């Protein structure tokens, strides 16, 4: 058992954790070795990725009294064990084979689970629960020696009861096993079983061979996302304590203003993700004050499940993502109107096809799994339709559900503000002075389009 005080600038509370335990599948599962795909085991995905969900103890008439009185820790722990019967590779351990090929040893060892209590209410966190979460390390405890990619638990889950009867569900998963859609699929499966289902409504599909490299492998497309970029680090290294993490909400008024700022035909062709990504890429590039002749890039993380013919099977929870990239110079991006950046984003996304995905898999094998290029890069990922905001363990949908932090990737996260407006929150991570310039750029744009900006400090006290 451990007890620790968690604090941010305006809120302090105590978290008491029980000893971490392993939750194993509720029934016997196959003992076998399963290979990951050549998309799964690329270097960019050899990380642990955290998610967090906040739940009220709801008085909704649709939630029966017995459920409101139930212990969420007990309910969720039991549901995880039952869900692992279907998702048994998540209870396994990863190891590396020849050529650094990753494989899953299905041993049924289980996932790490932490029971915790916090002496705080959900209301004390404020009315804008969104990243950053300064107390994340207490709500998702990093169990010593658990965070490796190999020979470690693939999933870590902490459920923290709150004093008001609400709770927080936090999860960390090895990204090589699943992408955002796959992780949300597993979480929703746990939710369905917690609500009484005997099996998930969407059956999990492994079939990683669908994204193996071809034989022989052959790179048939351009992949600037894996370019090797030499960077002069003189004067460019920023101390971590000078970095600022902020989230920004974009509702109907902001999106409407952005659409009015670009040609009508382009507005009809582009998605909300396209235009917002282009705009934020341009604002960030201005804020970072790159040399006008330096090359800058935007990478859009694209769900490629429906780019295949036929599409990947429903229930496929492996990584089916691509990193299409657009290149330009800092000068062109900053001097030209937003529509220029939108065109670059839409063209980059359009290259993702079945052949493109197979070409990526082949590139991984031929070039030894190169890293995604992050030098002077804006990386954006849309999780608005992944399903995190739908995860219901029996207490209703979350107040906030999605990525627990945004650093390298700028996630587009579905969010409803205190006015009841539905939009998206985007976490941004920048050096302090650059963040000030970034906020000014946003505010100046929206003021010039008769939208009152509200990008100063949010009211979350977490």
Protein backbone atom coordinates (compact mmCIF):
# COMPACT_ATOMS: atom_id res chain seq x y z
CA UNK A 1 0.00 0.00 0.00
CA UNK A 2 1.24 3.48 -0.79
CA UNK A 3 -0.03 6.95 0.07
CA UNK A 4 1.16 10.07 -1.69
CA UNK A 5 0.11 13.69 -1.98
CA UNK A 6 -0.61 14.96 -5.46
CA UNK A 7 -0.69 18.66 -6.14
CA UNK A 8 -0.95 21.21 -8.91
CA UNK A 9 -0.91 24.99 -8.63
CA UNK A 10 -4.41 25.15 -7.15
CA UNK A 11 -5.38 21.65 -5.98
CA UNK A 12 -3.79 19.23 -3.54
CA UNK A 13 -5.10 15.77 -2.73
CA UNK A 14 -3.89 12.45 -1.38
CA UNK A 15 -3.88 9.20 -3.37
CA UNK A 16 -3.68 5.89 -1.52
CA UNK A 17 -2.71 2.95 -3.70
CA UNK A 18 -2.94 -0.76 -2.98
CA UNK A 19 -0.13 -3.06 -4.05
CA UNK A 20 -0.11 -3.58 -7.85
CA UNK A 21 -1.49 -6.97 -8.87
CA UNK A 22 -1.68 -9.05 -12.03
CA UNK A 23 -5.15 -9.65 -13.47
CA UNK A 24 -5.17 -12.82 -15.56
CA UNK A 25 -7.77 -14.01 -18.08
CA UNK A 26 -10.84 -15.42 -16.32
CA UNK A 27 -10.52 -18.68 -18.29
CA UNK A 28 -7.71 -20.70 -19.79
CA UNK A 29 -6.38 -19.14 -23.02
CA UNK A 30 -4.14 -20.47 -25.83
CA UNK A 31 -0.41 -20.74 -25.16
CA UNK A 32 1.22 -19.69 -28.42
CA UNK A 33 3.62 -17.27 -30.07
CA UNK A 34 2.12 -14.63 -32.37
CA UNK A 35 4.11 -12.31 -34.65
CA UNK A 36 3.34 -8.62 -34.80
CA UNK A 37 2.95 -6.99 -38.21
CA UNK A 38 5.68 -4.96 -39.87
CA UNK A 39 3.58 -1.86 -39.19
CA UNK A 40 3.26 -2.76 -35.48
CA UNK A 41 6.90 -3.21 -34.65
CA UNK A 42 8.34 -0.06 -36.22
CA UNK A 43 10.53 2.10 -34.01
CA UNK A 44 8.01 4.96 -33.68
CA UNK A 45 5.54 2.65 -31.91
CA UNK A 46 7.93 1.12 -29.39
CA UNK A 47 6.54 3.32 -26.64
CA UNK A 48 3.99 3.19 -23.84
CA UNK A 49 0.95 5.40 -24.47
CA UNK A 50 -1.35 6.63 -21.64
CA UNK A 51 -5.10 7.32 -21.63
CA UNK A 52 -7.39 8.57 -18.89
CA UNK A 53 -11.17 8.61 -18.30
CA UNK A 54 -13.04 10.63 -15.63
CA UNK A 55 -16.46 9.41 -14.43
CA UNK A 56 -19.15 10.90 -12.22
CA UNK A 57 -21.26 8.90 -9.76
CA UNK A 58 -24.25 9.81 -11.90
CA UNK A 59 -27.81 10.30 -10.68
CA UNK A 60 -29.11 9.47 -14.15
CA UNK A 61 -32.42 7.55 -13.85
CA UNK A 62 -31.05 5.11 -16.42
CA UNK A 63 -28.40 4.00 -13.93
CA UNK A 64 -29.94 1.74 -11.32
CA UNK A 65 -29.36 2.18 -7.61
CA UNK A 66 -27.37 -1.03 -7.25
CA UNK A 67 -24.89 0.11 -9.90
CA UNK A 68 -24.47 3.51 -8.23
CA UNK A 69 -23.66 1.66 -5.02
CA UNK A 70 -21.30 -0.80 -6.73
CA UNK A 71 -17.55 -0.57 -6.31
CA UNK A 72 -16.06 0.47 -9.67
CA UNK A 73 -12.74 -1.14 -8.79
CA UNK A 74 -14.33 -4.56 -8.25
CA UNK A 75 -16.61 -4.27 -11.30
CA UNK A 76 -13.81 -3.19 -13.64
CA UNK A 77 -11.25 -5.68 -12.31
CA UNK A 78 -13.65 -8.57 -12.96
CA UNK A 79 -14.56 -7.20 -16.40
CA UNK A 80 -10.89 -6.94 -17.37
CA UNK A 81 -10.33 -10.61 -16.50
CA UNK A 82 -13.32 -11.61 -18.64
CA UNK A 83 -12.31 -9.33 -21.53
CA UNK A 84 -8.81 -10.84 -21.53
CA UNK A 85 -10.30 -14.20 -22.50
CA UNK A 86 -11.07 -12.57 -25.86
CA UNK A 87 -8.02 -10.26 -25.90
CA UNK A 88 -5.60 -12.83 -24.50
CA UNK A 89 -2.53 -11.43 -26.37
CA UNK A 90 -2.78 -8.39 -24.08
CA UNK A 91 -2.06 -10.69 -21.11
CA UNK A 92 1.13 -11.84 -22.83
CA UNK A 93 4.71 -10.56 -22.94
CA UNK A 94 6.69 -9.27 -25.92
CA UNK A 95 10.04 -10.60 -27.00
CA UNK A 96 12.34 -9.88 -29.90
CA UNK A 97 13.36 -12.39 -32.55
CA UNK A 98 15.92 -12.27 -35.38
CA UNK A 99 16.14 -8.87 -37.07
CA UNK A 100 14.47 -7.26 -34.01
CA UNK A 101 11.14 -8.76 -35.08
CA UNK A 102 8.62 -8.44 -32.26
CA UNK A 103 6.44 -11.34 -31.21
CA UNK A 104 3.93 -12.00 -28.46
CA UNK A 105 4.47 -14.93 -26.11
CA UNK A 106 0.91 -15.72 -25.03
CA UNK A 107 1.54 -16.90 -21.49
CA UNK A 108 -1.57 -15.59 -19.74
CA UNK A 109 0.58 -13.79 -17.17
CA UNK A 110 -1.90 -10.93 -17.03
CA UNK A 111 -2.07 -7.15 -17.03
CA UNK A 112 -0.99 -4.90 -14.17
CA UNK A 113 -3.85 -3.50 -12.10
CA UNK A 114 -3.76 -0.88 -9.34
CA UNK A 115 -6.59 -0.10 -6.92
CA UNK A 116 -6.47 3.42 -5.50
CA UNK A 117 -8.45 6.04 -3.57
CA UNK A 118 -8.15 9.83 -3.72
CA UNK A 119 -9.54 12.24 -1.11
CA UNK A 120 -10.91 14.62 -3.72
CA UNK A 121 -14.16 15.08 -5.63
CA UNK A 122 -14.54 15.35 -9.37
CA UNK A 123 -16.00 18.85 -8.97
CA UNK A 124 -12.78 20.02 -7.30
CA UNK A 125 -10.93 19.38 -10.56
CA UNK A 126 -12.84 22.25 -12.17
CA UNK A 127 -15.15 22.55 -15.13
CA UNK A 128 -12.57 21.96 -17.86
CA UNK A 129 -11.05 18.53 -17.28
CA UNK A 130 -8.58 18.16 -20.14
CA UNK A 131 -4.83 17.74 -20.67
CA UNK A 132 -2.40 18.59 -19.23
CA UNK A 133 -2.86 16.55 -16.06
CA UNK A 134 -0.03 17.58 -13.69
CA UNK A 135 -0.98 14.80 -11.25
CA UNK A 136 -1.00 12.06 -13.88
CA UNK A 137 1.81 10.11 -12.22
CA UNK A 138 -0.45 9.54 -9.19
CA UNK A 139 -3.52 8.62 -11.23
CA UNK A 140 -1.48 6.26 -13.45
CA UNK A 141 1.37 5.04 -11.31
CA UNK A 142 4.49 3.91 -13.15
CA UNK A 143 5.16 0.62 -11.37
CA UNK A 144 8.95 0.17 -11.18
CA UNK A 145 10.36 -2.02 -13.98
CA UNK A 146 6.97 -2.23 -15.72
CA UNK A 147 7.47 0.30 -18.51
CA UNK A 148 9.76 -1.58 -20.87
CA UNK A 149 8.73 -2.76 -24.31
CA UNK A 150 10.08 -6.30 -23.88
CA UNK A 151 9.30 -8.83 -21.11
CA UNK A 152 6.95 -6.41 -19.31
CA UNK A 153 3.17 -6.27 -18.87
CA UNK A 154 1.60 -4.98 -22.07
CA UNK A 155 -1.17 -3.14 -20.21
CA UNK A 156 -1.23 -1.24 -16.91
CA UNK A 157 -4.56 -0.02 -15.49
CA UNK A 158 -5.28 2.07 -12.40
CA UNK A 159 -8.80 2.69 -11.10
CA UNK A 160 -8.99 5.49 -8.53
CA UNK A 161 -12.13 6.01 -6.45
CA UNK A 162 -13.03 9.63 -5.72
CA UNK A 163 -14.62 10.96 -2.54
CA UNK A 164 -17.79 11.95 -4.42
CA UNK A 165 -18.43 8.41 -5.65
CA UNK A 166 -16.96 9.07 -9.07
CA UNK A 167 -13.79 7.42 -10.28
CA UNK A 168 -10.88 7.72 -12.70
CA UNK A 169 -9.88 4.92 -15.07
CA UNK A 170 -6.33 5.29 -16.41
CA UNK A 171 -4.62 2.92 -18.82
CA UNK A 172 -1.14 2.61 -20.28
CA UNK A 173 -0.55 0.27 -23.21
CA UNK A 174 2.41 -0.86 -25.26
CA UNK A 175 1.74 0.93 -28.57
CA UNK A 176 3.18 -1.90 -30.69
CA UNK A 177 0.14 -4.04 -29.83
CA UNK A 178 -2.61 -1.60 -30.78
CA UNK A 179 -3.32 1.83 -32.21
CA UNK A 180 -5.81 4.32 -30.76
CA UNK A 181 -8.78 2.63 -32.41
CA UNK A 182 -7.63 -0.76 -31.09
CA UNK A 183 -7.04 0.52 -27.56
CA UNK A 184 -10.49 2.15 -27.47
CA UNK A 185 -11.98 -1.10 -28.81
CA UNK A 186 -10.48 -3.02 -25.87
CA UNK A 187 -11.66 -0.40 -23.37
CA UNK A 188 -15.18 -0.51 -24.80
CA UNK A 189 -15.12 -4.32 -24.57
CA UNK A 190 -14.28 -4.05 -20.86
CA UNK A 191 -17.11 -1.53 -20.51
CA UNK A 192 -19.65 -3.82 -22.20
CA UNK A 193 -18.70 -6.75 -19.99
CA UNK A 194 -18.81 -4.51 -16.90
CA UNK A 195 -22.40 -3.68 -17.87
CA UNK A 196 -23.33 -7.36 -18.03
CA UNK A 197 -22.47 -8.57 -21.54
CA UNK A 198 -21.04 -12.08 -21.82
CA UNK A 199 -18.84 -11.13 -24.79
CA UNK A 200 -17.79 -7.96 -26.65
CA UNK A 201 -20.16 -6.82 -29.40
CA UNK A 202 -17.11 -6.44 -31.67
CA UNK A 203 -15.00 -9.59 -31.59
CA UNK A 204 -11.24 -8.88 -31.62
CA UNK A 205 -9.35 -9.84 -34.77
CA UNK A 206 -5.60 -10.54 -34.72
CA UNK A 207 -4.65 -11.32 -38.38
CA UNK A 208 -1.41 -9.31 -38.27
CA UNK A 209 -0.31 -11.13 -41.43
CA UNK A 210 -2.48 -8.66 -43.36
CA UNK A 211 0.23 -6.07 -42.72
CA UNK A 212 3.34 -8.19 -43.15
CA UNK A 213 5.95 -7.02 -45.64
CA UNK A 214 5.65 -8.50 -49.12
CA UNK A 215 8.00 -11.22 -50.36
CA UNK A 216 10.23 -9.90 -51.74
CA UNK A 217 9.80 -6.49 -50.09
CA UNK A 218 9.75 -3.50 -52.45
CA UNK A 219 9.27 0.17 -51.65
CA UNK A 220 6.78 1.48 -54.21
CA UNK A 221 5.86 4.88 -52.72
CA UNK A 222 7.65 7.95 -51.37
CA UNK A 223 7.88 8.05 -47.58
CA UNK A 224 9.15 11.45 -46.44
CA UNK A 225 7.96 10.64 -42.93
CA UNK A 226 11.08 8.49 -42.57
CA UNK A 227 13.58 10.94 -44.11
CA UNK A 228 16.86 11.29 -42.25
CA UNK A 229 17.14 14.99 -41.40
CA UNK A 230 20.43 16.36 -40.10
CA UNK A 231 19.86 19.18 -37.64
CA UNK A 232 22.28 21.70 -36.18
CA UNK A 233 21.43 21.64 -32.47
CA UNK A 234 23.42 24.79 -31.69
CA UNK A 235 21.04 27.15 -29.93
CA UNK A 236 18.04 24.89 -30.45
CA UNK A 237 18.08 22.79 -27.27
CA UNK A 238 15.33 23.89 -24.87
CA UNK A 239 15.44 22.78 -21.20
CA UNK A 240 12.43 20.62 -20.30
CA UNK A 241 11.53 22.95 -17.43
CA UNK A 242 11.05 25.72 -20.00
CA UNK A 243 8.44 23.71 -21.91
CA UNK A 244 4.77 24.62 -21.52
CA UNK A 245 1.85 22.24 -22.01
CA UNK A 246 -1.51 23.84 -22.88
CA UNK A 247 -4.81 22.67 -24.35
CA UNK A 248 -7.01 24.70 -26.69
CA UNK A 249 -10.72 24.23 -27.38
CA UNK A 250 -12.10 24.77 -30.88
CA UNK A 251 -15.88 24.88 -31.09
CA UNK A 252 -18.37 25.67 -33.86
CA UNK A 253 -17.51 29.41 -33.95
CA UNK A 254 -13.78 28.80 -34.37
CA UNK A 255 -14.22 26.13 -37.05
CA UNK A 256 -16.69 28.33 -38.93
CA UNK A 257 -14.20 31.22 -38.90
CA UNK A 258 -11.46 28.95 -40.22
CA UNK A 259 -13.66 27.69 -43.05
CA UNK A 260 -14.57 31.25 -44.05
CA UNK A 261 -10.86 32.09 -44.31
CA UNK A 262 -10.20 29.65 -47.17
CA UNK A 263 -11.65 29.35 -50.70
CA UNK A 264 -15.19 27.93 -50.78
CA UNK A 265 -14.32 24.93 -52.96
CA UNK A 266 -11.49 23.99 -50.60
CA UNK A 267 -13.76 24.36 -47.57
CA UNK A 268 -16.17 21.87 -49.14
CA UNK A 269 -13.34 19.39 -49.79
CA UNK A 270 -11.55 19.45 -46.45
CA UNK A 271 -12.48 17.97 -43.08
CA UNK A 272 -12.43 19.77 -39.74
CA UNK A 273 -9.25 17.85 -38.95
CA UNK A 274 -7.62 19.06 -42.19
CA UNK A 275 -8.31 22.74 -41.67
CA UNK A 276 -7.52 22.78 -37.95
CA UNK A 277 -4.29 20.81 -38.45
CA UNK A 278 -3.19 23.17 -41.23
CA UNK A 279 -3.99 26.23 -39.13
CA UNK A 280 -2.19 24.97 -36.00
CA UNK A 281 0.83 23.83 -38.04
CA UNK A 282 1.12 27.33 -39.48
CA UNK A 283 0.66 28.99 -36.06
CA UNK A 284 3.27 26.74 -34.46
CA UNK A 285 5.76 27.40 -37.26
CA UNK A 286 5.30 31.16 -36.81
CA UNK A 287 5.70 30.79 -33.04
CA UNK A 288 8.94 28.79 -33.32
CA UNK A 289 10.52 31.43 -35.59
CA UNK A 290 12.36 29.07 -37.93
CA UNK A 291 14.65 30.43 -40.62
CA UNK A 292 12.43 31.12 -43.67
CA UNK A 293 14.54 28.78 -45.82
CA UNK A 294 14.34 25.83 -43.44
CA UNK A 295 12.23 22.84 -44.44
CA UNK A 296 9.21 22.17 -42.24
CA UNK A 297 6.74 19.31 -42.40
CA UNK A 298 3.36 18.19 -41.17
CA UNK A 299 2.60 14.53 -40.47
CA UNK A 300 -1.02 13.40 -40.24
CA UNK A 301 -1.61 10.09 -38.50
CA UNK A 302 -4.19 8.35 -40.71
CA UNK A 303 -6.36 5.33 -39.85
CA UNK A 304 -5.85 3.12 -42.93
CA UNK A 305 -8.40 0.40 -42.09
CA UNK A 306 -10.72 1.45 -44.91
CA UNK A 307 -7.95 2.09 -47.44
CA UNK A 308 -7.73 -1.65 -48.14
CA UNK A 309 -9.86 -3.57 -50.62
CA UNK A 310 -11.61 -5.17 -48.88
CA UNK A 311 -11.18 -3.09 -45.69
CA UNK A 312 -9.38 -4.65 -42.75
CA UNK A 313 -11.80 -6.81 -40.72
CA UNK A 314 -13.98 -5.11 -38.14
CA UNK A 315 -12.37 -5.83 -34.81
CA UNK A 316 -8.78 -5.59 -36.09
CA UNK A 317 -7.02 -3.94 -33.17
CA UNK A 318 -3.43 -3.83 -34.40
CA UNK A 319 -1.71 -0.73 -35.70
CA UNK A 320 -3.27 0.25 -39.01
CA UNK A 321 -1.93 3.78 -39.13
CA UNK A 322 0.13 5.70 -41.66
CA UNK A 323 2.19 8.88 -41.31
CA UNK A 324 1.74 10.74 -44.63
CA UNK A 325 3.81 13.91 -44.80
CA UNK A 326 3.75 17.30 -46.52
CA UNK A 327 6.88 19.43 -46.93
CA UNK A 328 7.40 23.15 -47.51
CA UNK A 329 9.65 25.93 -46.25
CA UNK A 330 8.95 27.91 -43.11
CA UNK A 331 8.84 31.10 -45.17
CA UNK A 332 6.23 29.82 -47.61
CA UNK A 333 4.05 28.37 -44.86
CA UNK A 334 4.08 31.56 -42.78
CA UNK A 335 3.71 34.04 -45.65
CA UNK A 336 0.97 32.28 -47.59
CA UNK A 337 -2.68 32.13 -46.43
CA UNK A 338 -4.10 29.24 -44.42
CA UNK A 339 -5.56 27.70 -47.58
CA UNK A 340 -2.04 26.87 -48.78
CA UNK A 341 -1.44 24.74 -45.67
CA UNK A 342 -4.86 23.10 -46.00
CA UNK A 343 -4.04 22.02 -49.57
CA UNK A 344 -0.78 20.48 -48.36
CA UNK A 345 -2.56 18.54 -45.61
CA UNK A 346 -5.33 17.19 -47.86
CA UNK A 347 -2.85 16.14 -50.56
CA UNK A 348 -0.64 14.39 -48.01
CA UNK A 349 -3.55 12.37 -46.61
CA UNK A 350 -4.74 11.38 -50.09
CA UNK A 351 -1.64 9.28 -50.78
CA UNK A 352 -2.60 6.62 -48.20
CA UNK A 353 -3.75 3.51 -50.08
CA UNK A 354 -3.37 -0.24 -49.66
CA UNK A 355 -0.20 -0.09 -51.76
CA UNK A 356 1.12 2.74 -49.58
CA UNK A 357 0.66 0.66 -46.43
CA UNK A 358 2.37 -2.36 -47.99
CA UNK A 359 5.19 -0.09 -49.11
CA UNK A 360 5.63 1.12 -45.52
CA UNK A 361 5.79 -2.48 -44.27
CA UNK A 362 8.40 -3.27 -46.93
CA UNK A 363 10.41 -0.17 -46.00
CA UNK A 364 10.54 -1.32 -42.38
CA UNK A 365 12.12 -4.61 -43.42
CA UNK A 366 14.50 -3.17 -46.02
CA UNK A 367 15.76 -0.21 -43.96
CA UNK A 368 15.70 -1.73 -40.49
CA UNK A 369 12.69 0.12 -39.08
CA UNK A 370 13.74 3.78 -39.40
CA UNK A 371 12.27 6.33 -37.01
CA UNK A 372 9.61 8.86 -37.99
CA UNK A 373 11.23 12.24 -38.63
CA UNK A 374 10.33 14.77 -35.94
CA UNK A 375 12.74 17.59 -36.82
CA UNK A 376 10.71 20.77 -37.51
CA UNK A 377 7.61 18.57 -37.69
CA UNK A 378 4.02 19.16 -36.60
CA UNK A 379 2.47 15.74 -35.88
CA UNK A 380 -1.33 15.54 -35.65
CA UNK A 381 -3.66 12.68 -34.74
CA UNK A 382 -7.48 12.67 -34.81
CA UNK A 383 -9.03 10.52 -32.05
CA UNK A 384 -12.48 12.14 -32.18
CA UNK A 385 -13.98 8.95 -33.64
CA UNK A 386 -11.76 6.38 -31.92
CA UNK A 387 -14.37 5.72 -29.23
CA UNK A 388 -12.70 6.83 -25.97
CA UNK A 389 -15.59 9.17 -25.17
CA UNK A 390 -18.02 6.23 -25.52
CA UNK A 391 -16.43 3.95 -22.91
CA UNK A 392 -19.13 3.16 -20.32
CA UNK A 393 -18.46 0.84 -17.37
CA UNK A 394 -22.03 1.22 -16.13
CA UNK A 395 -21.80 4.74 -14.73
CA UNK A 396 -22.38 6.54 -18.02
CA UNK A 397 -19.95 8.08 -20.48
CA UNK A 398 -16.86 9.92 -19.26
CA UNK A 399 -16.62 13.63 -18.49
CA UNK A 400 -13.30 13.39 -20.31
CA UNK A 401 -11.98 10.37 -22.17
CA UNK A 402 -8.86 10.21 -24.31
CA UNK A 403 -5.08 10.69 -24.35
CA UNK A 404 -3.60 11.56 -20.99
CA UNK A 405 -0.96 13.83 -22.44
CA UNK A 406 0.13 15.41 -25.69
CA UNK A 407 3.81 16.01 -26.35
CA UNK A 408 5.17 14.94 -29.73
CA UNK A 409 1.69 14.30 -31.16
CA UNK A 410 -1.06 16.93 -31.11
CA UNK A 411 -4.25 14.94 -30.56
CA UNK A 412 -7.67 16.17 -31.66
CA UNK A 413 -9.87 15.04 -28.75
CA UNK A 414 -13.69 15.29 -28.62
CA UNK A 415 -14.81 17.65 -25.87
CA UNK A 416 -17.89 19.50 -24.61
CA UNK A 417 -17.22 22.80 -22.86
CA UNK A 418 -19.15 24.30 -19.93
CA UNK A 419 -21.46 26.10 -22.38
CA UNK A 420 -22.51 22.74 -23.81
CA UNK A 421 -20.68 23.36 -27.10
CA UNK A 422 -19.26 20.26 -28.75
CA UNK A 423 -15.85 20.65 -30.33
CA UNK A 424 -12.33 19.36 -29.99
CA UNK A 425 -9.49 19.98 -27.57
CA UNK A 426 -5.92 19.98 -28.91
CA UNK A 427 -2.99 19.75 -26.44
CA UNK A 428 0.10 21.72 -27.52
CA UNK A 429 3.63 21.39 -26.07
CA UNK A 430 6.02 24.31 -26.76
CA UNK A 431 8.84 26.35 -25.18
CA UNK A 432 7.46 29.13 -22.97
CA UNK A 433 8.15 32.11 -25.25
CA UNK A 434 6.98 30.19 -28.30
CA UNK A 435 3.74 29.33 -26.48
CA UNK A 436 3.12 33.04 -25.85
CA UNK A 437 3.60 33.77 -29.55
CA UNK A 438 1.39 30.79 -30.45
CA UNK A 439 -1.48 32.05 -28.27
CA UNK A 440 -1.13 35.56 -29.71
CA UNK A 441 -1.28 34.16 -33.24
CA UNK A 442 -4.48 32.26 -32.44
CA UNK A 443 -6.11 35.23 -30.74
CA UNK A 444 -5.20 37.68 -33.50
CA UNK A 445 -6.66 35.39 -36.15
CA UNK A 446 -9.98 34.87 -34.40
CA UNK A 447 -10.34 38.52 -33.37
CA UNK A 448 -9.87 39.48 -37.02
CA UNK A 449 -12.75 37.11 -37.86
CA UNK A 450 -15.07 38.50 -35.17
CA UNK A 451 -14.74 35.50 -32.86
CA UNK A 452 -14.02 36.29 -29.24
CA UNK A 453 -11.03 34.10 -28.32
CA UNK A 454 -10.90 32.23 -25.03
CA UNK A 455 -7.43 30.76 -25.15
CA UNK A 456 -6.12 32.04 -21.85
CA UNK A 457 -5.91 29.70 -18.89
CA UNK A 458 -8.60 27.02 -18.75
CA UNK A 459 -10.35 26.52 -15.41
CA UNK A 460 -9.24 22.94 -14.80
CA UNK A 461 -7.43 22.71 -11.47
CA UNK A 462 -6.05 19.23 -12.03
